[in-house]
């Protein structure tokens, strides 16, 4: 299979046609081999316009959705980024092409090892994979200029919002009442956090970010 051609077609047919124009995002996604981050049996569908399951209940985001989210991050070369739910590390590799430093957080030890191994093979030296509870973020390396969620959440935990630097951008997918979730960009200005919705998408929920169950009588 010609993966380079598949990557080109992904950029031209899935991403540019969905109003993604950020040259940093387009160039990075054109360079990173998406097929390296999926199980061997699924390499043939690595570039389809859909999410790809990389472990039970865990998905690599659809290329278009990830691209729109990355563009919403307004990435800069000097940024330090927290990549939450990195699974096999695809988003981490793309971010590492653009920004200064990436801290990738994954609580599944098998996925975290896979991400770390693949990033090492590809020579990515400005990203580190941290294994731990995703809902807690990585306080040790905070504050972050950008925080990205690789999956849907019922709500963004305050503990993670507090890790966002002044002027920082947080991009999350929040589960709604319908089958679609809302992709939003949060921007910190001192103590205030503003929110801007950019699109709707059907995205799987990240483990640990389920809605809290209310009391029943």
N, C-alpha and C. Protein backbone atom coordinates (compact mmCIF):
# COMPACT_ATOMS: atom_id res chain seq x y z
N UNK A 1 0.84 -1.20 0.00
CA UNK A 1 0.00 0.00 0.00
C UNK A 1 0.88 1.25 0.00
N UNK A 2 0.49 2.24 -0.79
CA UNK A 2 1.23 3.49 -0.88
C UNK A 2 0.74 4.44 0.22
N UNK A 3 1.39 4.40 1.38
CA UNK A 3 0.96 5.22 2.50
C UNK A 3 1.17 6.71 2.25
N UNK A 4 2.23 7.04 1.52
CA UNK A 4 2.49 8.46 1.21
C UNK A 4 1.34 9.03 0.38
N UNK A 5 0.85 8.26 -0.57
CA UNK A 5 -0.28 8.70 -1.38
C UNK A 5 -1.54 8.80 -0.53
N UNK A 6 -1.74 7.84 0.37
CA UNK A 6 -2.90 7.86 1.27
C UNK A 6 -2.86 9.10 2.15
N UNK A 7 -1.66 9.45 2.60
CA UNK A 7 -1.50 10.64 3.45
C UNK A 7 -1.82 11.91 2.65
N UNK A 8 -1.36 11.95 1.41
CA UNK A 8 -1.65 13.09 0.54
C UNK A 8 -3.16 13.22 0.31
N UNK A 9 -3.81 12.09 0.04
CA UNK A 9 -5.26 12.11 -0.19
C UNK A 9 -6.02 12.51 1.07
N UNK A 10 -5.51 12.12 2.23
CA UNK A 10 -6.14 12.52 3.50
C UNK A 10 -6.11 14.04 3.64
N UNK A 11 -4.96 14.63 3.35
CA UNK A 11 -4.83 16.09 3.46
C UNK A 11 -5.73 16.79 2.47
N UNK A 12 -5.70 16.35 1.23
CA UNK A 12 -6.44 17.04 0.17
C UNK A 12 -7.95 16.78 0.23
N UNK A 13 -8.34 15.53 0.56
CA UNK A 13 -9.74 15.16 0.48
C UNK A 13 -10.53 15.24 1.78
N UNK A 14 -9.82 15.17 2.91
CA UNK A 14 -10.52 15.18 4.19
C UNK A 14 -10.30 16.47 4.99
N UNK A 15 -9.09 16.98 4.94
CA UNK A 15 -8.71 18.07 5.83
C UNK A 15 -8.87 19.45 5.19
N UNK A 16 -8.27 19.65 4.02
CA UNK A 16 -8.40 20.95 3.36
C UNK A 16 -9.85 21.26 2.99
N UNK A 17 -10.61 20.22 2.66
CA UNK A 17 -12.01 20.43 2.27
C UNK A 17 -12.89 20.77 3.47
N UNK A 18 -12.36 20.62 4.68
CA UNK A 18 -13.10 20.97 5.89
C UNK A 18 -12.55 22.23 6.54
N UNK A 19 -12.07 23.14 5.70
CA UNK A 19 -11.69 24.50 6.08
C UNK A 19 -10.50 24.58 7.04
N UNK A 20 -9.64 23.57 7.01
CA UNK A 20 -8.40 23.66 7.79
C UNK A 20 -7.34 24.30 6.89
N UNK A 21 -6.81 25.44 7.34
CA UNK A 21 -5.84 26.18 6.53
C UNK A 21 -4.52 26.44 7.23
N UNK A 22 -4.41 26.11 8.51
CA UNK A 22 -3.19 26.35 9.26
C UNK A 22 -2.03 25.57 8.62
N UNK A 23 -1.01 26.27 8.08
CA UNK A 23 0.09 25.57 7.40
C UNK A 23 0.88 24.66 8.32
N UNK A 24 1.01 25.02 9.60
CA UNK A 24 1.73 24.17 10.55
C UNK A 24 1.02 22.83 10.71
N UNK A 25 -0.30 22.87 10.85
CA UNK A 25 -1.09 21.64 11.01
C UNK A 25 -1.05 20.80 9.74
N UNK A 26 -1.24 21.43 8.60
CA UNK A 26 -1.25 20.70 7.33
C UNK A 26 0.11 20.04 7.07
N UNK A 27 1.18 20.77 7.30
CA UNK A 27 2.52 20.21 7.05
C UNK A 27 2.83 19.06 7.99
N UNK A 28 2.48 19.23 9.27
CA UNK A 28 2.77 18.18 10.25
C UNK A 28 1.99 16.91 9.95
N UNK A 29 0.71 17.06 9.61
CA UNK A 29 -0.10 15.88 9.32
C UNK A 29 0.31 15.22 8.01
N UNK A 30 0.92 15.99 7.12
CA UNK A 30 1.42 15.43 5.87
C UNK A 30 2.71 14.65 6.07
N UNK A 31 3.40 14.91 7.17
CA UNK A 31 4.69 14.26 7.44
C UNK A 31 4.59 13.05 8.35
N UNK A 32 3.69 13.11 9.34
CA UNK A 32 3.63 12.04 10.34
C UNK A 32 2.94 10.80 9.76
N UNK A 33 3.58 9.63 9.82
CA UNK A 33 3.00 8.40 9.27
C UNK A 33 1.91 7.82 10.18
N UNK A 34 0.68 8.13 9.89
CA UNK A 34 -0.45 7.69 10.72
C UNK A 34 -0.47 6.16 10.85
N UNK A 35 -0.03 5.46 9.81
CA UNK A 35 -0.06 4.00 9.83
C UNK A 35 0.84 3.42 10.91
N UNK A 36 1.83 4.19 11.37
CA UNK A 36 2.74 3.69 12.40
C UNK A 36 2.09 3.63 13.78
N UNK A 37 0.94 4.28 13.91
CA UNK A 37 0.29 4.40 15.22
C UNK A 37 -0.97 3.54 15.36
N UNK A 38 -1.24 2.69 14.39
CA UNK A 38 -2.40 1.79 14.47
C UNK A 38 -1.91 0.35 14.53
N UNK A 39 -2.73 -0.57 15.07
CA UNK A 39 -2.34 -1.98 15.10
C UNK A 39 -2.06 -2.49 13.68
N UNK A 40 -1.17 -3.45 13.58
CA UNK A 40 -0.77 -3.99 12.27
C UNK A 40 -1.95 -4.39 11.41
N UNK A 41 -2.96 -5.02 12.02
CA UNK A 41 -4.11 -5.48 11.26
C UNK A 41 -4.96 -4.34 10.70
N UNK A 42 -4.74 -3.12 11.20
CA UNK A 42 -5.57 -1.99 10.77
C UNK A 42 -4.80 -0.95 9.95
N UNK A 43 -3.58 -1.25 9.57
CA UNK A 43 -2.79 -0.29 8.81
C UNK A 43 -3.47 0.08 7.50
N UNK A 44 -4.20 -0.86 6.92
CA UNK A 44 -4.88 -0.60 5.65
C UNK A 44 -6.00 0.41 5.75
N UNK A 45 -6.50 0.67 6.96
CA UNK A 45 -7.59 1.65 7.13
C UNK A 45 -7.12 2.85 7.95
N UNK A 46 -5.82 3.02 8.07
CA UNK A 46 -5.27 4.10 8.88
C UNK A 46 -5.72 5.48 8.41
N UNK A 47 -5.97 5.61 7.10
CA UNK A 47 -6.27 6.94 6.55
C UNK A 47 -7.73 7.14 6.15
N UNK A 48 -8.61 6.27 6.62
CA UNK A 48 -10.03 6.48 6.32
C UNK A 48 -10.56 7.69 7.09
N UNK A 49 -11.65 8.25 6.60
CA UNK A 49 -12.23 9.43 7.26
C UNK A 49 -13.14 9.01 8.40
N UNK A 50 -12.55 8.33 9.38
CA UNK A 50 -13.29 7.85 10.54
C UNK A 50 -12.27 7.58 11.65
N UNK A 51 -12.77 7.48 12.87
CA UNK A 51 -11.90 7.12 13.99
C UNK A 51 -11.46 5.67 13.81
N UNK A 52 -10.27 5.34 14.30
CA UNK A 52 -9.75 3.98 14.22
C UNK A 52 -9.54 3.45 15.64
N UNK A 53 -10.14 2.30 15.94
CA UNK A 53 -9.98 1.72 17.28
C UNK A 53 -8.58 1.14 17.42
N UNK A 54 -7.85 1.60 18.43
CA UNK A 54 -6.48 1.13 18.63
C UNK A 54 -6.35 0.22 19.85
N UNK A 55 -7.42 0.14 20.63
CA UNK A 55 -7.51 -0.74 21.79
C UNK A 55 -9.00 -0.78 22.14
N UNK A 56 -9.45 -1.78 22.91
CA UNK A 56 -10.87 -1.84 23.24
C UNK A 56 -11.39 -0.54 23.85
N UNK A 57 -12.32 0.10 23.16
CA UNK A 57 -12.91 1.33 23.65
C UNK A 57 -12.06 2.58 23.48
N UNK A 58 -10.91 2.46 22.84
CA UNK A 58 -10.01 3.62 22.65
C UNK A 58 -9.80 3.86 21.16
N UNK A 59 -9.91 5.11 20.76
CA UNK A 59 -9.90 5.44 19.35
C UNK A 59 -8.94 6.57 19.00
N UNK A 60 -8.28 6.42 17.86
CA UNK A 60 -7.53 7.51 17.27
C UNK A 60 -8.55 8.40 16.56
N UNK A 61 -8.53 9.69 16.85
CA UNK A 61 -9.53 10.59 16.29
C UNK A 61 -9.53 10.60 14.77
N UNK A 62 -10.70 10.82 14.21
CA UNK A 62 -10.82 11.00 12.75
C UNK A 62 -9.88 12.14 12.33
N UNK A 63 -9.17 11.98 11.21
CA UNK A 63 -8.21 13.01 10.79
C UNK A 63 -8.79 14.41 10.73
N UNK A 64 -9.97 14.57 10.17
CA UNK A 64 -10.58 15.90 10.05
C UNK A 64 -10.86 16.51 11.41
N UNK A 65 -11.36 15.70 12.35
CA UNK A 65 -11.68 16.20 13.68
C UNK A 65 -10.40 16.65 14.38
N UNK A 66 -9.37 15.83 14.33
CA UNK A 66 -8.09 16.18 14.96
C UNK A 66 -7.52 17.45 14.33
N UNK A 67 -7.59 17.56 13.02
CA UNK A 67 -7.06 18.74 12.33
C UNK A 67 -7.78 20.01 12.75
N UNK A 68 -9.11 19.95 12.84
CA UNK A 68 -9.88 21.12 13.27
C UNK A 68 -9.54 21.50 14.71
N UNK A 69 -9.33 20.49 15.55
CA UNK A 69 -8.97 20.75 16.94
C UNK A 69 -7.58 21.39 17.04
N UNK A 70 -6.65 20.86 16.28
CA UNK A 70 -5.29 21.40 16.29
C UNK A 70 -5.27 22.84 15.78
N UNK A 71 -6.06 23.11 14.77
CA UNK A 71 -6.14 24.48 14.28
C UNK A 71 -6.74 25.39 15.36
N UNK A 72 -7.71 24.87 16.10
CA UNK A 72 -8.31 25.63 17.19
C UNK A 72 -7.33 25.93 18.31
N UNK A 73 -6.28 25.13 18.42
CA UNK A 73 -5.25 25.35 19.45
C UNK A 73 -4.40 26.58 19.15
N UNK A 74 -4.43 27.06 17.91
CA UNK A 74 -3.58 28.21 17.51
C UNK A 74 -2.14 27.99 17.96
N UNK A 75 -1.57 26.88 17.53
CA UNK A 75 -0.25 26.45 17.99
C UNK A 75 0.87 27.39 17.59
N UNK A 76 1.83 27.55 18.53
CA UNK A 76 3.02 28.37 18.28
C UNK A 76 4.26 27.51 18.53
N UNK A 77 5.36 27.88 17.91
CA UNK A 77 6.59 27.11 18.03
C UNK A 77 7.11 27.05 19.46
N UNK A 78 6.76 28.03 20.27
CA UNK A 78 7.27 28.09 21.65
C UNK A 78 6.36 27.40 22.66
N UNK A 79 5.23 26.88 22.22
CA UNK A 79 4.24 26.32 23.13
C UNK A 79 4.71 25.05 23.84
N UNK A 80 4.24 24.91 25.09
CA UNK A 80 4.34 23.66 25.83
C UNK A 80 2.93 23.10 25.90
N UNK A 81 2.75 21.87 25.44
CA UNK A 81 1.41 21.29 25.26
C UNK A 81 1.20 20.06 26.12
N UNK A 82 0.02 19.95 26.72
CA UNK A 82 -0.42 18.74 27.41
C UNK A 82 -1.41 18.02 26.51
N UNK A 83 -1.05 16.81 26.09
CA UNK A 83 -1.87 16.00 25.18
C UNK A 83 -2.53 14.89 26.00
N UNK A 84 -3.80 15.08 26.35
CA UNK A 84 -4.50 14.16 27.26
C UNK A 84 -5.17 13.03 26.48
N UNK A 85 -4.91 11.79 26.90
CA UNK A 85 -5.48 10.64 26.22
C UNK A 85 -4.79 10.38 24.90
N UNK A 86 -3.47 10.40 24.92
CA UNK A 86 -2.70 10.32 23.67
C UNK A 86 -2.80 8.95 23.00
N UNK A 87 -3.31 7.96 23.67
CA UNK A 87 -3.36 6.55 23.24
C UNK A 87 -2.05 6.13 22.57
N UNK A 88 -1.99 5.90 21.26
CA UNK A 88 -0.76 5.38 20.65
C UNK A 88 0.22 6.48 20.26
N UNK A 89 -0.12 7.74 20.49
CA UNK A 89 0.84 8.82 20.29
C UNK A 89 0.78 9.58 18.98
N UNK A 90 -0.24 9.33 18.15
CA UNK A 90 -0.31 10.01 16.85
C UNK A 90 -0.42 11.53 17.01
N UNK A 91 -1.34 11.97 17.84
CA UNK A 91 -1.51 13.42 18.04
C UNK A 91 -0.24 14.03 18.63
N UNK A 92 0.42 13.27 19.51
CA UNK A 92 1.66 13.74 20.13
C UNK A 92 2.73 13.99 19.07
N UNK A 93 2.86 13.07 18.13
CA UNK A 93 3.86 13.20 17.07
C UNK A 93 3.59 14.43 16.21
N UNK A 94 2.31 14.69 15.92
CA UNK A 94 1.96 15.87 15.12
C UNK A 94 2.28 17.14 15.89
N UNK A 95 1.86 17.19 17.15
CA UNK A 95 2.14 18.35 17.98
C UNK A 95 3.64 18.61 18.08
N UNK A 96 4.41 17.54 18.22
CA UNK A 96 5.86 17.68 18.38
C UNK A 96 6.53 18.28 17.15
N UNK A 97 5.90 18.14 16.00
CA UNK A 97 6.42 18.75 14.76
C UNK A 97 6.27 20.26 14.79
N UNK A 98 5.35 20.76 15.62
CA UNK A 98 4.98 22.18 15.58
C UNK A 98 5.50 22.95 16.78
N UNK A 99 5.37 22.37 17.97
CA UNK A 99 5.63 23.11 19.21
C UNK A 99 6.97 22.75 19.85
N UNK A 100 7.27 23.43 20.94
CA UNK A 100 8.54 23.23 21.64
C UNK A 100 8.58 21.91 22.40
N UNK A 101 7.54 21.65 23.21
CA UNK A 101 7.52 20.48 24.09
C UNK A 101 6.11 19.92 24.19
N UNK A 102 6.00 18.59 24.21
CA UNK A 102 4.71 17.93 24.39
C UNK A 102 4.79 16.97 25.57
N UNK A 103 3.87 17.10 26.50
CA UNK A 103 3.71 16.14 27.59
C UNK A 103 2.46 15.34 27.26
N UNK A 104 2.64 14.07 26.93
CA UNK A 104 1.52 13.21 26.53
C UNK A 104 1.08 12.37 27.72
N UNK A 105 -0.20 12.43 28.04
CA UNK A 105 -0.72 11.72 29.21
C UNK A 105 -1.62 10.57 28.78
N UNK A 106 -1.35 9.39 29.32
CA UNK A 106 -2.13 8.20 29.01
C UNK A 106 -2.17 7.30 30.24
N UNK A 107 -3.36 6.83 30.63
CA UNK A 107 -3.44 6.00 31.83
C UNK A 107 -3.38 4.51 31.54
N UNK A 108 -3.59 4.12 30.27
CA UNK A 108 -3.47 2.72 29.88
C UNK A 108 -1.98 2.42 29.64
N UNK A 109 -1.39 1.57 30.47
CA UNK A 109 0.05 1.33 30.41
C UNK A 109 0.49 0.73 29.08
N UNK A 110 -0.33 -0.14 28.50
CA UNK A 110 0.02 -0.75 27.22
C UNK A 110 0.04 0.29 26.11
N UNK A 111 -0.96 1.16 26.09
CA UNK A 111 -1.01 2.22 25.09
C UNK A 111 0.14 3.21 25.30
N UNK A 112 0.41 3.54 26.54
CA UNK A 112 1.49 4.48 26.84
C UNK A 112 2.83 3.94 26.36
N UNK A 113 3.07 2.66 26.56
CA UNK A 113 4.33 2.05 26.10
C UNK A 113 4.40 2.06 24.57
N UNK A 114 3.27 1.74 23.94
CA UNK A 114 3.23 1.76 22.48
C UNK A 114 3.54 3.14 21.95
N UNK A 115 2.94 4.16 22.57
CA UNK A 115 3.18 5.55 22.15
C UNK A 115 4.64 5.91 22.31
N UNK A 116 5.21 5.60 23.46
CA UNK A 116 6.60 5.93 23.73
C UNK A 116 7.55 5.23 22.76
N UNK A 117 7.28 3.94 22.51
CA UNK A 117 8.13 3.16 21.60
C UNK A 117 8.09 3.72 20.18
N UNK A 118 6.87 4.03 19.71
CA UNK A 118 6.73 4.53 18.34
C UNK A 118 7.36 5.90 18.18
N UNK A 119 7.17 6.76 19.16
CA UNK A 119 7.78 8.09 19.11
C UNK A 119 9.30 7.99 19.09
N UNK A 120 9.85 7.05 19.85
CA UNK A 120 11.30 6.84 19.86
C UNK A 120 11.80 6.35 18.51
N UNK A 121 11.07 5.41 17.91
CA UNK A 121 11.44 4.89 16.59
C UNK A 121 11.46 6.00 15.54
N UNK A 122 10.50 6.93 15.65
CA UNK A 122 10.40 8.02 14.69
C UNK A 122 11.34 9.18 15.01
N UNK A 123 12.08 9.06 16.11
CA UNK A 123 13.05 10.09 16.46
C UNK A 123 12.45 11.35 17.05
N UNK A 124 11.28 11.23 17.65
CA UNK A 124 10.64 12.39 18.28
C UNK A 124 11.29 12.61 19.64
N UNK A 125 12.05 13.69 19.80
CA UNK A 125 12.81 13.88 21.03
C UNK A 125 12.33 15.06 21.88
N UNK A 126 11.22 15.68 21.48
CA UNK A 126 10.69 16.79 22.28
C UNK A 126 9.33 16.47 22.88
N UNK A 127 9.07 15.17 23.06
CA UNK A 127 7.81 14.72 23.67
C UNK A 127 8.12 13.63 24.68
N UNK A 128 7.34 13.62 25.77
CA UNK A 128 7.48 12.57 26.78
C UNK A 128 6.09 12.03 27.09
N UNK A 129 5.99 10.71 27.23
CA UNK A 129 4.72 10.07 27.56
C UNK A 129 4.68 9.78 29.05
N UNK A 130 3.67 10.29 29.72
CA UNK A 130 3.49 10.10 31.16
C UNK A 130 2.30 9.17 31.39
N UNK A 131 2.49 8.17 32.24
CA UNK A 131 1.40 7.26 32.57
C UNK A 131 0.76 7.67 33.89
N UNK A 132 -0.56 7.91 33.86
CA UNK A 132 -1.25 8.32 35.07
C UNK A 132 -2.70 8.64 34.78
N UNK A 133 -3.50 8.93 35.82
CA UNK A 133 -4.92 9.25 35.65
C UNK A 133 -5.10 10.47 34.75
N UNK A 134 -5.84 10.31 33.69
CA UNK A 134 -6.00 11.40 32.72
C UNK A 134 -6.76 12.58 33.30
N UNK A 135 -7.69 12.32 34.20
CA UNK A 135 -8.52 13.41 34.72
C UNK A 135 -7.76 14.33 35.66
N UNK A 136 -6.54 13.94 36.03
CA UNK A 136 -5.74 14.77 36.93
C UNK A 136 -4.74 15.65 36.20
N UNK A 137 -4.53 15.39 34.89
CA UNK A 137 -3.54 16.14 34.15
C UNK A 137 -2.15 15.79 34.64
N UNK A 138 -1.18 16.67 34.37
CA UNK A 138 0.20 16.48 34.85
C UNK A 138 0.63 17.79 35.50
N UNK A 139 0.35 17.91 36.78
CA UNK A 139 0.60 19.17 37.51
C UNK A 139 2.07 19.54 37.51
N UNK A 140 2.93 18.54 37.58
CA UNK A 140 4.37 18.77 37.71
C UNK A 140 4.93 19.65 36.60
N UNK A 141 4.38 19.51 35.38
CA UNK A 141 4.90 20.25 34.23
C UNK A 141 4.08 21.50 33.91
N UNK A 142 3.02 21.76 34.67
CA UNK A 142 2.15 22.91 34.41
C UNK A 142 2.87 24.21 34.78
N UNK A 143 2.44 25.36 34.23
CA UNK A 143 1.27 25.53 33.36
C UNK A 143 1.59 25.26 31.89
N UNK A 144 0.53 24.99 31.12
CA UNK A 144 0.66 24.67 29.70
C UNK A 144 0.07 25.78 28.85
N UNK A 145 0.70 26.01 27.72
CA UNK A 145 0.17 26.98 26.76
C UNK A 145 -1.04 26.41 26.04
N UNK A 146 -1.04 25.10 25.86
CA UNK A 146 -2.14 24.41 25.16
C UNK A 146 -2.43 23.09 25.86
N UNK A 147 -3.72 22.78 26.02
CA UNK A 147 -4.16 21.47 26.51
C UNK A 147 -5.15 20.90 25.50
N UNK A 148 -4.89 19.67 25.06
CA UNK A 148 -5.73 19.02 24.04
C UNK A 148 -6.27 17.71 24.58
N UNK A 149 -7.57 17.48 24.40
CA UNK A 149 -8.20 16.22 24.78
C UNK A 149 -8.41 15.35 23.55
N UNK A 150 -7.88 14.11 23.61
CA UNK A 150 -8.04 13.17 22.49
C UNK A 150 -9.26 12.27 22.68
N UNK A 151 -10.40 12.86 22.88
CA UNK A 151 -11.62 12.11 23.09
C UNK A 151 -12.62 12.98 23.82
N UNK A 152 -13.84 12.51 23.91
CA UNK A 152 -14.90 13.31 24.52
C UNK A 152 -14.88 13.20 26.04
N UNK A 153 -15.38 14.24 26.71
CA UNK A 153 -15.49 14.27 28.17
C UNK A 153 -16.88 14.79 28.53
N UNK A 154 -17.36 14.42 29.71
CA UNK A 154 -18.66 14.95 30.14
C UNK A 154 -18.51 16.41 30.53
N UNK A 155 -17.35 16.74 31.09
CA UNK A 155 -16.99 18.11 31.43
C UNK A 155 -15.49 18.18 31.64
N UNK A 156 -14.95 19.38 31.52
CA UNK A 156 -13.51 19.56 31.72
C UNK A 156 -13.26 19.75 33.22
N UNK A 157 -12.48 18.88 33.85
CA UNK A 157 -12.23 19.00 35.29
C UNK A 157 -11.54 20.32 35.64
N UNK A 158 -11.90 20.87 36.78
CA UNK A 158 -11.27 22.11 37.24
C UNK A 158 -9.77 21.91 37.43
N UNK A 159 -9.38 20.71 37.86
CA UNK A 159 -7.96 20.43 38.08
C UNK A 159 -7.14 20.61 36.81
N UNK A 160 -7.77 20.31 35.67
CA UNK A 160 -7.06 20.47 34.39
C UNK A 160 -7.14 21.91 33.91
N UNK A 161 -8.28 22.56 34.09
CA UNK A 161 -8.38 23.98 33.73
C UNK A 161 -7.32 24.79 34.45
N UNK A 162 -7.06 24.43 35.70
CA UNK A 162 -6.10 25.17 36.51
C UNK A 162 -4.66 25.00 36.04
N UNK A 163 -4.43 24.05 35.13
CA UNK A 163 -3.09 23.82 34.61
C UNK A 163 -2.82 24.62 33.33
N UNK A 164 -3.80 25.42 32.91
CA UNK A 164 -3.68 26.22 31.70
C UNK A 164 -3.06 27.57 32.02
N UNK A 165 -2.03 27.94 31.28
CA UNK A 165 -1.34 29.21 31.49
C UNK A 165 -2.20 30.39 31.08
N UNK A 166 -1.87 31.56 31.58
CA UNK A 166 -2.56 32.78 31.15
C UNK A 166 -2.32 32.97 29.65
N UNK A 167 -3.39 33.17 28.91
CA UNK A 167 -3.30 33.27 27.46
C UNK A 167 -3.34 31.92 26.77
N UNK A 168 -3.42 30.84 27.56
CA UNK A 168 -3.41 29.49 27.02
C UNK A 168 -4.74 29.09 26.40
N UNK A 169 -4.69 28.05 25.55
CA UNK A 169 -5.87 27.53 24.87
C UNK A 169 -6.08 26.06 25.23
N UNK A 170 -7.31 25.73 25.57
CA UNK A 170 -7.68 24.35 25.89
C UNK A 170 -8.76 23.93 24.90
N UNK A 171 -8.54 22.81 24.22
CA UNK A 171 -9.51 22.33 23.23
C UNK A 171 -10.06 20.99 23.70
N UNK A 172 -11.37 20.95 23.90
CA UNK A 172 -12.02 19.76 24.44
C UNK A 172 -13.28 19.43 23.65
N UNK A 173 -13.68 18.17 23.74
CA UNK A 173 -14.91 17.68 23.09
C UNK A 173 -15.86 17.30 24.22
N UNK A 174 -16.95 18.03 24.33
CA UNK A 174 -17.88 17.80 25.43
C UNK A 174 -19.11 17.04 24.95
N UNK A 175 -19.44 15.97 25.66
CA UNK A 175 -20.59 15.14 25.31
C UNK A 175 -21.88 15.92 25.51
N UNK A 176 -22.76 15.84 24.52
CA UNK A 176 -24.06 16.48 24.64
C UNK A 176 -25.15 15.45 24.86
N UNK A 177 -26.40 15.89 24.76
CA UNK A 177 -27.53 14.98 24.96
C UNK A 177 -27.81 14.14 23.72
N UNK A 178 -27.33 14.60 22.55
CA UNK A 178 -27.53 13.85 21.32
C UNK A 178 -26.32 12.94 21.09
N UNK A 179 -26.26 12.32 19.91
CA UNK A 179 -25.14 11.45 19.59
C UNK A 179 -23.89 12.25 19.24
N UNK A 180 -24.05 13.55 19.02
CA UNK A 180 -22.93 14.40 18.67
C UNK A 180 -22.39 15.14 19.89
N UNK A 181 -21.09 15.38 19.88
CA UNK A 181 -20.44 16.14 20.93
C UNK A 181 -19.97 17.47 20.36
N UNK A 182 -19.68 18.43 21.22
CA UNK A 182 -19.28 19.76 20.80
C UNK A 182 -17.80 19.99 21.05
N UNK A 183 -17.09 20.40 20.01
CA UNK A 183 -15.68 20.75 20.14
C UNK A 183 -15.59 22.23 20.47
N UNK A 184 -14.92 22.54 21.58
CA UNK A 184 -14.85 23.93 22.06
C UNK A 184 -13.41 24.33 22.34
N UNK A 185 -13.15 25.61 22.15
CA UNK A 185 -11.85 26.19 22.49
C UNK A 185 -12.05 27.10 23.70
N UNK A 186 -11.33 26.82 24.78
CA UNK A 186 -11.35 27.66 25.98
C UNK A 186 -10.06 28.48 26.00
N UNK A 187 -10.16 29.76 26.29
CA UNK A 187 -8.99 30.63 26.36
C UNK A 187 -8.93 31.31 27.72
N UNK A 188 -7.77 31.25 28.37
CA UNK A 188 -7.62 31.85 29.68
C UNK A 188 -7.12 33.29 29.57
N UNK A 189 -7.80 34.19 30.26
CA UNK A 189 -7.38 35.58 30.38
C UNK A 189 -7.40 35.92 31.86
N UNK A 190 -6.21 35.86 32.49
CA UNK A 190 -6.10 35.97 33.94
C UNK A 190 -6.93 34.87 34.59
N UNK A 191 -7.92 35.22 35.37
CA UNK A 191 -8.72 34.19 36.04
C UNK A 191 -9.96 33.79 35.26
N UNK A 192 -10.20 34.45 34.14
CA UNK A 192 -11.39 34.19 33.33
C UNK A 192 -11.10 33.19 32.22
N UNK A 193 -12.06 32.30 31.98
CA UNK A 193 -11.93 31.31 30.92
C UNK A 193 -13.10 31.48 29.96
N UNK A 194 -12.81 31.95 28.76
CA UNK A 194 -13.86 32.13 27.75
C UNK A 194 -13.97 30.87 26.90
N UNK A 195 -15.13 30.67 26.29
CA UNK A 195 -15.38 29.45 25.53
C UNK A 195 -15.95 29.79 24.16
N UNK A 196 -15.43 29.08 23.14
CA UNK A 196 -15.93 29.27 21.77
C UNK A 196 -16.12 27.89 21.15
N UNK A 197 -17.35 27.59 20.70
CA UNK A 197 -17.62 26.30 20.04
C UNK A 197 -17.21 26.39 18.57
N UNK A 198 -16.55 25.33 18.07
CA UNK A 198 -16.09 25.38 16.69
C UNK A 198 -16.72 24.33 15.78
N UNK A 199 -17.24 23.24 16.35
CA UNK A 199 -17.86 22.22 15.50
C UNK A 199 -18.54 21.16 16.37
N UNK A 200 -19.30 20.29 15.70
CA UNK A 200 -19.85 19.11 16.35
C UNK A 200 -19.22 17.87 15.74
N UNK A 201 -19.08 16.83 16.54
CA UNK A 201 -18.45 15.60 16.05
C UNK A 201 -18.92 14.41 16.87
N UNK A 202 -18.94 13.26 16.23
CA UNK A 202 -19.25 12.02 16.94
C UNK A 202 -17.95 11.41 17.43
N UNK A 203 -17.68 11.51 18.72
CA UNK A 203 -16.39 11.09 19.28
C UNK A 203 -16.61 10.23 20.52
N UNK A 204 -15.83 9.18 20.66
CA UNK A 204 -15.95 8.28 21.81
C UNK A 204 -15.49 8.97 23.09
N UNK A 205 -16.10 8.59 24.19
CA UNK A 205 -15.78 9.16 25.50
C UNK A 205 -14.45 8.60 26.01
N UNK A 206 -13.65 9.47 26.60
CA UNK A 206 -12.41 9.03 27.23
C UNK A 206 -12.73 8.36 28.58
N UNK A 207 -12.10 7.25 28.90
CA UNK A 207 -12.36 6.61 30.20
C UNK A 207 -11.96 7.52 31.35
N UNK A 208 -12.82 7.54 32.38
CA UNK A 208 -12.56 8.38 33.53
C UNK A 208 -13.22 9.74 33.47
N UNK A 209 -13.82 10.06 32.31
CA UNK A 209 -14.46 11.36 32.13
C UNK A 209 -15.98 11.23 31.94
N UNK A 210 -16.53 10.13 32.45
CA UNK A 210 -17.97 9.92 32.36
C UNK A 210 -18.70 10.91 33.26
N UNK A 211 -19.97 11.16 32.95
CA UNK A 211 -20.77 12.08 33.77
C UNK A 211 -20.97 11.48 35.16
N UNK A 212 -20.93 12.34 36.17
CA UNK A 212 -21.16 11.88 37.53
C UNK A 212 -22.63 11.52 37.70
N UNK A 213 -22.86 10.38 38.34
CA UNK A 213 -24.23 9.94 38.55
C UNK A 213 -24.86 10.73 39.68
N UNK A 214 -26.07 11.21 39.43
CA UNK A 214 -26.78 11.98 40.46
C UNK A 214 -27.47 11.05 41.45
N UNK A 215 -28.00 11.66 42.48
CA UNK A 215 -28.73 10.87 43.48
C UNK A 215 -30.09 10.47 42.93
N UNK A 216 -30.54 9.29 43.27
CA UNK A 216 -31.88 8.86 42.91
C UNK A 216 -32.61 8.48 44.18
N UNK A 217 -33.93 8.70 44.15
CA UNK A 217 -34.74 8.44 45.35
C UNK A 217 -35.83 7.41 45.04
